[in-house]
């Protein structure tokens, strides 16, 4: 459930890290609320399907020795199962986030025959009380990772006009942290094209802070 994130280092070089916490659907780029670009538009705003688990608590494997982890709960066991299923279905799986307040898992995948079986497997395995929301997208996690790699190669391309500080993924799109979204948006749209920009959200970001 790790998500790739590229961040500019203090020396100006781009470095790769694994950004944890992607389950929360957190943006991989810091922001002050200003966004541009597609904003992950291909992900439907409403779930295509919703199911509520009926399997007994404890049916799914724990993340570690039983009772040893604070997140060894029905919801997080279901999330771990969905993550494993996503790895088994790279041709349709896009991403995963959690709505802990409502005991729900948000699953993003490309619809079709394979997705129908994927959906049925997840809903059939979910433990009692866990809600699973299944959203339609147009792009897979593999494709999003490829886009992150492509953008990471361009982090210095527009230096002097705007800076790309971070690029990473949320559950269903690529998120770019830039110094000036107003300047960046038209330039990036011309460089990457309308279709690609549908999968990119641009946010205002500050330079990375050294600790």
N, C-alpha and C. Protein backbone atom coordinates (compact mmCIF):
# COMPACT_ATOMS: atom_id res chain seq x y z
N UNK A 1 0.82 -1.19 0.00
CA UNK A 1 0.00 0.00 0.00
C UNK A 1 0.86 1.25 0.00
N UNK A 2 2.18 1.06 -0.21
CA UNK A 2 3.06 2.20 -0.33
C UNK A 2 2.79 2.91 -1.65
N UNK A 3 3.03 4.20 -1.68
CA UNK A 3 2.86 4.97 -2.90
C UNK A 3 4.16 5.69 -3.23
N UNK A 4 4.49 5.68 -4.50
CA UNK A 4 5.72 6.32 -4.93
C UNK A 4 5.59 7.84 -4.85
N UNK A 5 6.66 8.47 -4.40
CA UNK A 5 6.69 9.93 -4.33
C UNK A 5 8.08 10.41 -4.70
N UNK A 6 8.15 11.41 -5.57
CA UNK A 6 9.42 12.01 -5.95
C UNK A 6 9.48 13.40 -5.34
N UNK A 7 10.54 13.69 -4.60
CA UNK A 7 10.70 14.98 -3.94
C UNK A 7 12.06 15.57 -4.27
N UNK A 8 12.10 16.87 -4.53
CA UNK A 8 13.37 17.54 -4.79
C UNK A 8 14.14 17.67 -3.48
N UNK A 9 15.41 17.30 -3.50
CA UNK A 9 16.23 17.40 -2.29
C UNK A 9 16.75 18.82 -2.12
N UNK A 10 17.44 19.05 -1.02
CA UNK A 10 17.96 20.38 -0.73
C UNK A 10 18.98 20.82 -1.78
N UNK A 11 19.63 19.87 -2.44
CA UNK A 11 20.62 20.21 -3.46
C UNK A 11 19.99 20.45 -4.82
N UNK A 12 18.68 20.24 -4.91
CA UNK A 12 18.00 20.44 -6.18
C UNK A 12 17.80 19.16 -6.95
N UNK A 13 18.38 18.06 -6.50
CA UNK A 13 18.22 16.79 -7.19
C UNK A 13 16.89 16.16 -6.83
N UNK A 14 16.37 15.36 -7.75
CA UNK A 14 15.12 14.65 -7.48
C UNK A 14 15.45 13.32 -6.84
N UNK A 15 14.82 13.01 -5.73
CA UNK A 15 15.05 11.74 -5.05
C UNK A 15 13.72 11.02 -4.90
N UNK A 16 13.78 9.69 -4.85
CA UNK A 16 12.58 8.88 -4.74
C UNK A 16 12.43 8.35 -3.33
N UNK A 17 11.20 8.40 -2.81
CA UNK A 17 10.90 7.84 -1.49
C UNK A 17 9.58 7.13 -1.57
N UNK A 18 9.30 6.28 -0.60
CA UNK A 18 8.00 5.64 -0.51
C UNK A 18 7.17 6.42 0.49
N UNK A 19 6.08 6.98 0.01
CA UNK A 19 5.22 7.80 0.87
C UNK A 19 4.18 6.93 1.52
N UNK A 20 4.30 6.72 2.80
CA UNK A 20 3.32 5.94 3.53
C UNK A 20 2.12 6.80 3.84
N UNK A 21 1.03 6.16 4.24
CA UNK A 21 -0.15 6.92 4.58
C UNK A 21 -1.05 7.10 3.38
N UNK A 22 -0.76 6.41 2.27
CA UNK A 22 -1.60 6.54 1.09
C UNK A 22 -2.99 5.98 1.33
N UNK A 23 -3.11 5.09 2.32
CA UNK A 23 -4.43 4.55 2.63
C UNK A 23 -5.40 5.66 3.02
N UNK A 24 -4.89 6.70 3.61
CA UNK A 24 -5.75 7.80 4.01
C UNK A 24 -6.14 8.67 2.83
N UNK A 25 -5.62 8.33 1.62
CA UNK A 25 -5.94 9.11 0.45
C UNK A 25 -5.26 10.46 0.49
N UNK A 26 -4.23 10.59 1.33
CA UNK A 26 -3.56 11.88 1.47
C UNK A 26 -2.83 12.21 0.19
N UNK A 27 -2.83 13.47 -0.17
CA UNK A 27 -2.09 13.93 -1.34
C UNK A 27 -0.61 13.74 -1.09
N UNK A 28 0.10 13.34 -2.15
CA UNK A 28 1.54 13.17 -2.03
C UNK A 28 2.27 14.49 -2.10
N UNK A 29 1.58 15.55 -2.45
CA UNK A 29 2.21 16.86 -2.52
C UNK A 29 1.57 17.79 -1.51
N UNK A 30 2.37 18.56 -0.80
CA UNK A 30 1.83 19.53 0.14
C UNK A 30 1.05 20.60 -0.60
N UNK A 31 0.02 21.17 0.04
CA UNK A 31 -0.80 22.14 -0.65
C UNK A 31 -1.38 23.13 0.32
N UNK A 32 -1.80 24.28 -0.24
CA UNK A 32 -2.49 25.25 0.59
C UNK A 32 -3.93 25.38 0.16
N UNK A 33 -4.42 24.39 -0.58
CA UNK A 33 -5.81 24.38 -1.00
C UNK A 33 -6.00 24.81 -2.43
N UNK A 34 -4.98 25.40 -3.08
CA UNK A 34 -5.12 25.82 -4.47
C UNK A 34 -4.77 24.67 -5.37
N UNK A 35 -5.65 24.31 -6.28
CA UNK A 35 -5.39 23.21 -7.19
C UNK A 35 -5.71 23.60 -8.61
N UNK A 36 -5.01 22.95 -9.55
CA UNK A 36 -5.26 23.12 -10.97
C UNK A 36 -5.23 21.74 -11.61
N UNK A 37 -5.49 21.71 -12.91
CA UNK A 37 -5.40 20.46 -13.64
C UNK A 37 -6.65 19.64 -13.49
N UNK A 38 -6.53 18.36 -13.88
CA UNK A 38 -7.69 17.49 -13.92
C UNK A 38 -8.22 17.11 -12.57
N UNK A 39 -7.36 17.10 -11.55
CA UNK A 39 -7.80 16.76 -10.21
C UNK A 39 -8.29 15.33 -10.10
N UNK A 40 -7.75 14.44 -10.96
CA UNK A 40 -8.19 13.06 -10.91
C UNK A 40 -9.60 12.90 -11.45
N UNK A 41 -9.99 13.72 -12.42
CA UNK A 41 -11.34 13.72 -12.95
C UNK A 41 -11.86 12.36 -13.40
N UNK A 42 -10.99 11.46 -13.95
CA UNK A 42 -11.52 10.18 -14.41
C UNK A 42 -12.09 9.30 -13.31
N UNK A 43 -11.82 9.58 -12.05
CA UNK A 43 -12.43 8.80 -10.98
C UNK A 43 -13.83 9.34 -10.72
N UNK A 44 -14.82 8.45 -10.79
CA UNK A 44 -16.20 8.88 -10.59
C UNK A 44 -16.39 9.46 -9.20
N UNK A 45 -17.26 10.46 -9.10
CA UNK A 45 -17.52 11.09 -7.81
C UNK A 45 -18.39 10.22 -6.91
N UNK A 46 -19.21 9.38 -7.52
CA UNK A 46 -20.08 8.48 -6.77
C UNK A 46 -19.65 7.04 -7.03
N UNK A 47 -19.69 6.18 -6.02
CA UNK A 47 -19.29 4.79 -6.24
C UNK A 47 -20.22 4.07 -7.20
N UNK A 48 -19.63 3.20 -8.00
CA UNK A 48 -20.42 2.38 -8.92
C UNK A 48 -21.16 1.29 -8.15
N UNK A 49 -20.53 0.82 -7.07
CA UNK A 49 -21.12 -0.23 -6.24
C UNK A 49 -20.75 0.04 -4.78
N UNK A 50 -21.62 -0.39 -3.89
CA UNK A 50 -21.33 -0.34 -2.45
C UNK A 50 -21.78 -1.66 -1.85
N UNK A 51 -20.92 -2.26 -1.03
CA UNK A 51 -21.32 -3.48 -0.33
C UNK A 51 -20.88 -3.38 1.12
N UNK A 52 -21.52 -4.15 1.97
CA UNK A 52 -21.18 -4.19 3.40
C UNK A 52 -20.83 -5.62 3.75
N UNK A 53 -19.68 -5.80 4.37
CA UNK A 53 -19.20 -7.14 4.68
C UNK A 53 -20.13 -7.92 5.60
N UNK A 54 -20.14 -9.23 5.40
CA UNK A 54 -20.98 -10.11 6.21
C UNK A 54 -20.18 -11.25 6.85
N UNK A 55 -18.88 -11.35 6.51
CA UNK A 55 -18.08 -12.45 7.05
C UNK A 55 -17.77 -12.22 8.53
N UNK A 56 -17.59 -13.30 9.29
CA UNK A 56 -17.31 -13.17 10.73
C UNK A 56 -16.01 -12.40 10.99
N UNK A 57 -15.98 -11.67 12.08
CA UNK A 57 -14.76 -10.94 12.44
C UNK A 57 -13.62 -11.91 12.68
N UNK A 58 -12.47 -11.60 12.12
CA UNK A 58 -11.30 -12.45 12.26
C UNK A 58 -11.14 -13.45 11.14
N UNK A 59 -12.03 -13.44 10.18
CA UNK A 59 -11.94 -14.39 9.07
C UNK A 59 -10.69 -14.14 8.22
N UNK A 60 -10.37 -12.87 8.00
CA UNK A 60 -9.21 -12.53 7.19
C UNK A 60 -7.94 -12.53 8.04
N UNK A 61 -6.78 -12.77 7.42
CA UNK A 61 -5.52 -12.80 8.16
C UNK A 61 -5.20 -11.46 8.82
N UNK A 62 -4.55 -11.53 9.98
CA UNK A 62 -4.08 -10.32 10.65
C UNK A 62 -2.84 -9.81 9.94
N UNK A 63 -2.47 -8.56 10.21
CA UNK A 63 -1.26 -8.00 9.65
C UNK A 63 -0.02 -8.53 10.36
N UNK A 64 -0.18 -9.06 11.53
CA UNK A 64 0.92 -9.59 12.32
C UNK A 64 0.33 -10.57 13.32
N UNK A 65 1.09 -10.95 14.36
CA UNK A 65 0.53 -11.82 15.40
C UNK A 65 -0.77 -11.24 15.93
N UNK A 66 -1.76 -12.07 16.09
CA UNK A 66 -3.09 -11.61 16.46
C UNK A 66 -3.05 -10.73 17.70
N UNK A 67 -3.66 -9.55 17.58
CA UNK A 67 -3.73 -8.62 18.69
C UNK A 67 -2.47 -7.81 18.91
N UNK A 68 -1.47 -7.98 18.05
CA UNK A 68 -0.19 -7.31 18.27
C UNK A 68 -0.13 -5.92 17.67
N UNK A 69 -1.10 -5.59 16.81
CA UNK A 69 -1.06 -4.30 16.13
C UNK A 69 -2.32 -3.50 16.45
N UNK A 70 -2.19 -2.20 16.68
CA UNK A 70 -3.38 -1.38 16.98
C UNK A 70 -4.35 -1.30 15.81
N UNK A 71 -3.84 -1.55 14.58
CA UNK A 71 -4.72 -1.49 13.42
C UNK A 71 -5.19 -2.88 12.99
N UNK A 72 -5.07 -3.88 13.89
CA UNK A 72 -5.58 -5.22 13.59
C UNK A 72 -7.08 -5.22 13.87
N UNK A 73 -7.81 -4.59 12.97
CA UNK A 73 -9.26 -4.44 13.09
C UNK A 73 -9.91 -4.98 11.83
N UNK A 74 -11.22 -5.22 11.84
CA UNK A 74 -11.89 -5.68 10.62
C UNK A 74 -11.60 -4.78 9.42
N UNK A 75 -11.66 -3.46 9.61
CA UNK A 75 -11.44 -2.55 8.49
C UNK A 75 -10.04 -2.71 7.91
N UNK A 76 -9.03 -2.74 8.76
CA UNK A 76 -7.67 -2.82 8.24
C UNK A 76 -7.32 -4.20 7.70
N UNK A 77 -7.96 -5.23 8.20
CA UNK A 77 -7.77 -6.55 7.59
C UNK A 77 -8.38 -6.57 6.19
N UNK A 78 -9.53 -5.92 6.03
CA UNK A 78 -10.14 -5.84 4.69
C UNK A 78 -9.26 -5.01 3.76
N UNK A 79 -8.70 -3.91 4.26
CA UNK A 79 -7.80 -3.10 3.45
C UNK A 79 -6.60 -3.90 2.98
N UNK A 80 -6.03 -4.70 3.88
CA UNK A 80 -4.88 -5.52 3.52
C UNK A 80 -5.27 -6.54 2.46
N UNK A 81 -6.46 -7.11 2.58
CA UNK A 81 -6.94 -8.07 1.58
C UNK A 81 -7.11 -7.39 0.22
N UNK A 82 -7.70 -6.20 0.22
CA UNK A 82 -7.89 -5.46 -1.03
C UNK A 82 -6.54 -5.15 -1.68
N UNK A 83 -5.58 -4.77 -0.86
CA UNK A 83 -4.25 -4.48 -1.38
C UNK A 83 -3.65 -5.70 -2.07
N UNK A 84 -3.79 -6.88 -1.45
CA UNK A 84 -3.29 -8.10 -2.07
C UNK A 84 -4.03 -8.39 -3.37
N UNK A 85 -5.34 -8.19 -3.37
CA UNK A 85 -6.13 -8.40 -4.58
C UNK A 85 -5.71 -7.42 -5.68
N UNK A 86 -5.41 -6.19 -5.30
CA UNK A 86 -4.96 -5.21 -6.28
C UNK A 86 -3.68 -5.64 -6.97
N UNK A 87 -2.75 -6.19 -6.20
CA UNK A 87 -1.50 -6.67 -6.78
C UNK A 87 -1.73 -7.84 -7.72
N UNK A 88 -2.79 -8.61 -7.46
CA UNK A 88 -3.12 -9.75 -8.32
C UNK A 88 -3.87 -9.33 -9.58
N UNK A 89 -4.35 -8.09 -9.61
CA UNK A 89 -5.12 -7.59 -10.75
C UNK A 89 -4.55 -6.25 -11.22
N UNK A 90 -3.28 -6.23 -11.66
CA UNK A 90 -2.67 -4.95 -12.06
C UNK A 90 -3.30 -4.33 -13.30
N UNK A 91 -4.01 -5.13 -14.08
CA UNK A 91 -4.62 -4.61 -15.29
C UNK A 91 -5.85 -3.76 -15.05
N UNK A 92 -6.39 -3.77 -13.81
CA UNK A 92 -7.59 -2.98 -13.52
C UNK A 92 -7.46 -2.13 -12.26
N UNK A 93 -6.55 -2.49 -11.35
CA UNK A 93 -6.49 -1.83 -10.05
C UNK A 93 -5.85 -0.45 -10.15
N UNK A 94 -6.49 0.54 -9.55
CA UNK A 94 -5.98 1.92 -9.56
C UNK A 94 -5.45 2.32 -8.19
N UNK A 95 -6.23 2.11 -7.14
CA UNK A 95 -5.77 2.53 -5.82
C UNK A 95 -6.80 2.28 -4.75
N UNK A 96 -6.44 2.70 -3.53
CA UNK A 96 -7.21 2.38 -2.35
C UNK A 96 -7.04 3.49 -1.33
N UNK A 97 -8.13 3.87 -0.68
CA UNK A 97 -8.05 4.82 0.44
C UNK A 97 -9.03 4.38 1.52
N UNK A 98 -8.90 4.98 2.69
CA UNK A 98 -9.73 4.56 3.82
C UNK A 98 -10.54 5.73 4.36
N UNK A 99 -11.77 5.45 4.71
CA UNK A 99 -12.64 6.39 5.43
C UNK A 99 -12.86 5.79 6.80
N UNK A 100 -11.89 6.03 7.69
CA UNK A 100 -11.93 5.41 9.00
C UNK A 100 -13.14 5.80 9.83
N UNK A 101 -13.58 7.05 9.67
CA UNK A 101 -14.71 7.53 10.46
C UNK A 101 -15.99 6.75 10.18
N UNK A 102 -16.10 6.25 8.96
CA UNK A 102 -17.30 5.50 8.57
C UNK A 102 -17.04 4.02 8.35
N UNK A 103 -15.84 3.56 8.75
CA UNK A 103 -15.53 2.14 8.62
C UNK A 103 -15.60 1.65 7.19
N UNK A 104 -15.06 2.46 6.26
CA UNK A 104 -15.21 2.14 4.84
C UNK A 104 -13.88 2.14 4.10
N UNK A 105 -13.80 1.27 3.10
CA UNK A 105 -12.67 1.24 2.18
C UNK A 105 -13.13 1.76 0.83
N UNK A 106 -12.40 2.69 0.26
CA UNK A 106 -12.69 3.22 -1.07
C UNK A 106 -11.74 2.56 -2.06
N UNK A 107 -12.29 1.84 -3.01
CA UNK A 107 -11.50 1.08 -3.97
C UNK A 107 -11.71 1.65 -5.36
N UNK A 108 -10.61 1.91 -6.06
CA UNK A 108 -10.67 2.49 -7.40
C UNK A 108 -10.14 1.46 -8.40
N UNK A 109 -10.94 1.18 -9.44
CA UNK A 109 -10.52 0.19 -10.43
C UNK A 109 -11.21 0.49 -11.75
N UNK A 110 -10.62 -0.04 -12.83
CA UNK A 110 -11.17 0.14 -14.17
C UNK A 110 -12.30 -0.87 -14.37
N UNK A 111 -13.50 -0.43 -14.72
CA UNK A 111 -14.63 -1.35 -14.84
C UNK A 111 -14.48 -2.32 -16.02
N UNK A 112 -15.20 -3.43 -15.95
CA UNK A 112 -15.16 -4.44 -16.99
C UNK A 112 -15.39 -5.82 -16.40
N UNK A 113 -15.22 -6.85 -17.22
CA UNK A 113 -15.47 -8.22 -16.76
C UNK A 113 -14.52 -8.62 -15.63
N UNK A 114 -13.24 -8.27 -15.76
CA UNK A 114 -12.30 -8.62 -14.69
C UNK A 114 -12.68 -7.90 -13.39
N UNK A 115 -13.14 -6.66 -13.52
CA UNK A 115 -13.53 -5.90 -12.33
C UNK A 115 -14.74 -6.51 -11.65
N UNK A 116 -15.63 -7.12 -12.42
CA UNK A 116 -16.81 -7.74 -11.82
C UNK A 116 -16.40 -8.86 -10.87
N UNK A 117 -15.43 -9.67 -11.29
CA UNK A 117 -14.94 -10.75 -10.42
C UNK A 117 -14.17 -10.16 -9.24
N UNK A 118 -13.36 -9.16 -9.51
CA UNK A 118 -12.60 -8.46 -8.47
C UNK A 118 -13.54 -7.92 -7.40
N UNK A 119 -14.59 -7.25 -7.83
CA UNK A 119 -15.58 -6.68 -6.90
C UNK A 119 -16.24 -7.77 -6.07
N UNK A 120 -16.63 -8.85 -6.75
CA UNK A 120 -17.32 -9.94 -6.05
C UNK A 120 -16.42 -10.59 -5.00
N UNK A 121 -15.14 -10.76 -5.34
CA UNK A 121 -14.19 -11.36 -4.40
C UNK A 121 -14.02 -10.49 -3.15
N UNK A 122 -13.88 -9.19 -3.37
CA UNK A 122 -13.68 -8.27 -2.24
C UNK A 122 -14.93 -8.21 -1.36
N UNK A 123 -16.08 -8.03 -1.99
CA UNK A 123 -17.32 -7.94 -1.22
C UNK A 123 -17.60 -9.25 -0.48
N UNK A 124 -17.27 -10.36 -1.11
CA UNK A 124 -17.50 -11.66 -0.48
C UNK A 124 -16.58 -11.94 0.68
N UNK A 125 -15.40 -11.29 0.69
CA UNK A 125 -14.41 -11.53 1.75
C UNK A 125 -14.51 -10.53 2.89
N UNK A 126 -15.17 -9.40 2.68
CA UNK A 126 -15.20 -8.33 3.68
C UNK A 126 -15.84 -8.79 4.99
N UNK A 127 -15.20 -8.40 6.09
CA UNK A 127 -15.72 -8.77 7.40
C UNK A 127 -16.94 -7.92 7.77
N UNK A 128 -17.73 -8.45 8.65
CA UNK A 128 -19.00 -7.84 9.03
C UNK A 128 -18.83 -6.38 9.46
N UNK A 129 -19.67 -5.53 8.90
CA UNK A 129 -19.70 -4.12 9.27
C UNK A 129 -18.79 -3.22 8.47
N UNK A 130 -17.90 -3.79 7.66
CA UNK A 130 -16.99 -2.97 6.86
C UNK A 130 -17.66 -2.64 5.52
N UNK A 131 -17.73 -1.37 5.20
CA UNK A 131 -18.31 -0.92 3.94
C UNK A 131 -17.22 -0.83 2.88
N UNK A 132 -17.52 -1.34 1.70
CA UNK A 132 -16.60 -1.25 0.56
C UNK A 132 -17.27 -0.45 -0.54
N UNK A 133 -16.65 0.65 -0.92
CA UNK A 133 -17.16 1.48 -2.02
C UNK A 133 -16.25 1.28 -3.22
N UNK A 134 -16.83 0.94 -4.36
CA UNK A 134 -16.07 0.64 -5.56
C UNK A 134 -16.31 1.73 -6.60
N UNK A 135 -15.23 2.40 -6.99
CA UNK A 135 -15.31 3.53 -7.91
C UNK A 135 -14.72 3.17 -9.28
N UNK A 136 -15.34 3.69 -10.33
CA UNK A 136 -14.84 3.51 -11.69
C UNK A 136 -13.74 4.53 -11.99
N UNK A 137 -12.68 4.08 -12.65
CA UNK A 137 -11.62 4.98 -13.13
C UNK A 137 -11.30 4.62 -14.57
N UNK A 138 -10.35 5.35 -15.15
CA UNK A 138 -9.93 5.10 -16.53
C UNK A 138 -8.46 4.74 -16.63
N UNK A 139 -7.79 4.56 -15.49
CA UNK A 139 -6.35 4.37 -15.50
C UNK A 139 -5.96 3.43 -14.37
N UNK A 140 -4.90 2.65 -14.58
CA UNK A 140 -4.44 1.72 -13.56
C UNK A 140 -3.32 2.33 -12.72
N UNK A 141 -3.05 1.69 -11.59
CA UNK A 141 -1.95 2.13 -10.73
C UNK A 141 -0.62 2.07 -11.48
N UNK A 142 -0.44 1.03 -12.30
CA UNK A 142 0.79 0.89 -13.08
C UNK A 142 0.97 2.08 -14.01
N UNK A 143 -0.11 2.50 -14.65
CA UNK A 143 -0.03 3.65 -15.55
C UNK A 143 0.26 4.94 -14.79
N UNK A 144 -0.32 5.09 -13.61
CA UNK A 144 -0.05 6.27 -12.80
C UNK A 144 1.41 6.31 -12.36
N UNK A 145 1.97 5.16 -11.98
CA UNK A 145 3.37 5.11 -11.59
C UNK A 145 4.27 5.49 -12.76
N UNK A 146 3.89 5.05 -13.98
CA UNK A 146 4.65 5.43 -15.16
C UNK A 146 4.61 6.93 -15.39
N UNK A 147 3.46 7.54 -15.13
CA UNK A 147 3.33 8.99 -15.28
C UNK A 147 4.17 9.73 -14.24
N UNK A 148 4.19 9.21 -13.01
CA UNK A 148 5.04 9.81 -11.97
C UNK A 148 6.51 9.78 -12.41
N UNK A 149 6.94 8.65 -12.96
CA UNK A 149 8.33 8.54 -13.42
C UNK A 149 8.61 9.52 -14.55
N UNK A 150 7.65 9.66 -15.46
CA UNK A 150 7.82 10.59 -16.58
C UNK A 150 7.97 12.03 -16.08
N UNK A 151 7.10 12.43 -15.16
CA UNK A 151 7.15 13.80 -14.63
C UNK A 151 8.42 14.02 -13.82
N UNK A 152 8.86 12.99 -13.10
CA UNK A 152 10.08 13.15 -12.29
C UNK A 152 11.28 13.48 -13.15
N UNK A 153 11.26 13.02 -14.41
CA UNK A 153 12.34 13.35 -15.33
C UNK A 153 12.28 14.78 -15.83
N UNK A 154 11.16 15.45 -15.57
CA UNK A 154 10.97 16.83 -16.03
C UNK A 154 11.03 17.85 -14.89
N UNK A 155 11.50 17.44 -13.72
CA UNK A 155 11.41 18.33 -12.56
C UNK A 155 12.23 19.61 -12.72
N UNK A 156 13.24 19.59 -13.57
CA UNK A 156 14.05 20.79 -13.81
C UNK A 156 13.73 21.44 -15.16
N UNK A 157 12.79 20.88 -15.89
CA UNK A 157 12.54 21.30 -17.27
C UNK A 157 12.10 22.76 -17.37
N UNK A 158 11.28 23.22 -16.42
CA UNK A 158 10.73 24.57 -16.51
C UNK A 158 11.28 25.49 -15.42
N UNK A 159 12.47 25.16 -14.94
CA UNK A 159 13.13 25.98 -13.93
C UNK A 159 13.29 27.40 -14.47
N UNK A 160 12.90 28.39 -13.68
CA UNK A 160 12.92 29.77 -14.13
C UNK A 160 11.52 30.29 -14.41
N UNK A 161 10.61 29.36 -14.76
CA UNK A 161 9.20 29.71 -14.95
C UNK A 161 8.39 29.29 -13.73
N UNK A 162 8.58 28.04 -13.32
CA UNK A 162 8.01 27.53 -12.08
C UNK A 162 8.83 26.32 -11.68
N UNK A 163 8.68 25.90 -10.43
CA UNK A 163 9.41 24.73 -9.94
C UNK A 163 8.43 23.61 -9.62
N UNK A 164 8.81 22.40 -9.98
CA UNK A 164 8.09 21.21 -9.53
C UNK A 164 8.80 20.71 -8.28
N UNK A 165 8.13 20.79 -7.14
CA UNK A 165 8.76 20.38 -5.89
C UNK A 165 8.52 18.92 -5.57
N UNK A 166 7.33 18.43 -5.84
CA UNK A 166 7.01 17.03 -5.55
C UNK A 166 6.10 16.47 -6.62
N UNK A 167 6.15 15.17 -6.80
CA UNK A 167 5.19 14.48 -7.64
C UNK A 167 4.95 13.11 -7.03
N UNK A 168 3.70 12.73 -6.92
CA UNK A 168 3.36 11.44 -6.32
C UNK A 168 1.95 11.04 -6.70
N UNK A 169 1.38 10.13 -5.95
CA UNK A 169 0.07 9.59 -6.27
C UNK A 169 -0.84 9.63 -5.06
N UNK A 170 -2.14 9.86 -5.33
CA UNK A 170 -3.14 9.55 -4.32
C UNK A 170 -3.83 8.27 -4.77
N UNK A 171 -5.04 8.02 -4.36
CA UNK A 171 -5.68 6.74 -4.66
C UNK A 171 -6.07 6.58 -6.12
N UNK A 172 -6.17 7.68 -6.87
CA UNK A 172 -6.67 7.53 -8.24
C UNK A 172 -6.10 8.53 -9.23
N UNK A 173 -5.07 9.30 -8.85
CA UNK A 173 -4.49 10.26 -9.78
C UNK A 173 -3.07 10.62 -9.35
N UNK A 174 -2.40 11.38 -10.21
CA UNK A 174 -1.07 11.90 -9.90
C UNK A 174 -1.22 13.30 -9.33
N UNK A 175 -0.44 13.61 -8.30
CA UNK A 175 -0.49 14.92 -7.66
C UNK A 175 0.87 15.58 -7.78
N UNK A 176 0.89 16.80 -8.32
CA UNK A 176 2.13 17.56 -8.48
C UNK A 176 2.11 18.76 -7.55
N UNK A 177 3.19 18.96 -6.80
CA UNK A 177 3.34 20.15 -5.98
C UNK A 177 4.27 21.11 -6.69
N UNK A 178 3.77 22.28 -7.07
CA UNK A 178 4.55 23.25 -7.84
C UNK A 178 4.57 24.60 -7.13
N UNK A 179 5.51 25.45 -7.55
CA UNK A 179 5.64 26.76 -6.92
C UNK A 179 4.54 27.72 -7.34
N UNK A 180 4.03 27.58 -8.56
CA UNK A 180 3.04 28.52 -9.08
C UNK A 180 2.06 27.78 -9.99
N UNK A 181 0.93 27.31 -9.45
CA UNK A 181 -0.04 26.57 -10.27
C UNK A 181 -0.56 27.35 -11.47
N UNK A 182 -0.73 28.67 -11.33
CA UNK A 182 -1.25 29.48 -12.43
C UNK A 182 -0.32 29.45 -13.64
N UNK A 183 0.97 29.52 -13.39
CA UNK A 183 1.94 29.45 -14.48
C UNK A 183 2.12 28.01 -14.98
N UNK A 184 2.08 27.07 -14.05
CA UNK A 184 2.37 25.68 -14.40
C UNK A 184 1.28 25.03 -15.25
N UNK A 185 0.03 25.31 -14.94
CA UNK A 185 -1.08 24.57 -15.56
C UNK A 185 -1.07 24.65 -17.09
N UNK A 186 -1.00 25.83 -17.72
CA UNK A 186 -1.00 25.86 -19.18
C UNK A 186 0.25 25.24 -19.81
N UNK A 187 1.38 25.40 -19.14
CA UNK A 187 2.63 24.84 -19.66
C UNK A 187 2.57 23.31 -19.63
N UNK A 188 2.11 22.77 -18.52
CA UNK A 188 2.02 21.32 -18.38
C UNK A 188 0.97 20.75 -19.32
N UNK A 189 -0.11 21.47 -19.51
CA UNK A 189 -1.17 21.00 -20.41
C UNK A 189 -0.64 20.90 -21.85
N UNK A 190 0.16 21.87 -22.25
CA UNK A 190 0.74 21.84 -23.59
C UNK A 190 1.76 20.71 -23.71
N UNK A 191 2.54 20.50 -22.65
CA UNK A 191 3.60 19.48 -22.69
C UNK A 191 3.06 18.07 -22.66
N UNK A 192 2.04 17.82 -21.84
CA UNK A 192 1.57 16.46 -21.62
C UNK A 192 0.27 16.12 -22.35
N UNK A 193 -0.48 17.14 -22.76
CA UNK A 193 -1.71 16.88 -23.50
C UNK A 193 -2.93 16.79 -22.59
N UNK A 194 -4.09 17.01 -23.21
CA UNK A 194 -5.34 17.04 -22.46
C UNK A 194 -5.65 15.71 -21.77
N UNK A 195 -5.45 14.60 -22.47
CA UNK A 195 -5.80 13.30 -21.90
C UNK A 195 -4.97 12.99 -20.66
N UNK A 196 -3.67 13.23 -20.75
CA UNK A 196 -2.81 12.98 -19.60
C UNK A 196 -3.16 13.89 -18.43
N UNK A 197 -3.49 15.15 -18.72
CA UNK A 197 -3.81 16.10 -17.65
C UNK A 197 -5.08 15.72 -16.90
N UNK A 198 -5.92 14.89 -17.49
CA UNK A 198 -7.10 14.41 -16.78
C UNK A 198 -6.71 13.60 -15.54
N UNK A 199 -5.50 13.09 -15.53
CA UNK A 199 -5.05 12.25 -14.42
C UNK A 199 -4.09 12.97 -13.48
N UNK A 200 -3.94 14.28 -13.67
CA UNK A 200 -2.99 15.06 -12.87
C UNK A 200 -3.70 16.16 -12.10
N UNK A 201 -3.41 16.27 -10.82
CA UNK A 201 -3.86 17.40 -10.01
C UNK A 201 -2.64 18.23 -9.64
N UNK A 202 -2.73 19.53 -9.85
CA UNK A 202 -1.63 20.45 -9.56
C UNK A 202 -1.97 21.24 -8.31
N UNK A 203 -1.04 21.24 -7.36
CA UNK A 203 -1.24 21.95 -6.10
C UNK A 203 -0.07 22.88 -5.83
N UNK A 204 -0.35 23.98 -5.15
CA UNK A 204 0.74 24.87 -4.74
C UNK A 204 1.53 24.20 -3.61
N UNK A 205 2.84 24.22 -3.74
CA UNK A 205 3.70 23.57 -2.75
C UNK A 205 4.90 24.44 -2.45
N UNK A 206 5.39 24.35 -1.24
CA UNK A 206 6.61 25.04 -0.85
C UNK A 206 7.80 24.10 -1.01
N UNK A 207 9.01 24.66 -1.09
CA UNK A 207 10.20 23.80 -1.18
C UNK A 207 10.27 22.85 0.01
N UNK A 208 10.79 21.65 -0.19
CA UNK A 208 10.92 20.70 0.92
C UNK A 208 11.75 21.29 2.06
N UNK A 209 11.38 20.96 3.28
CA UNK A 209 12.06 21.47 4.46
C UNK A 209 13.05 20.43 4.98
N UNK A 210 14.24 20.87 5.31
CA UNK A 210 15.24 19.97 5.89
C UNK A 210 14.97 19.81 7.38
N UNK A 211 15.11 18.57 7.87
CA UNK A 211 14.93 18.30 9.30
C UNK A 211 16.27 17.92 9.91
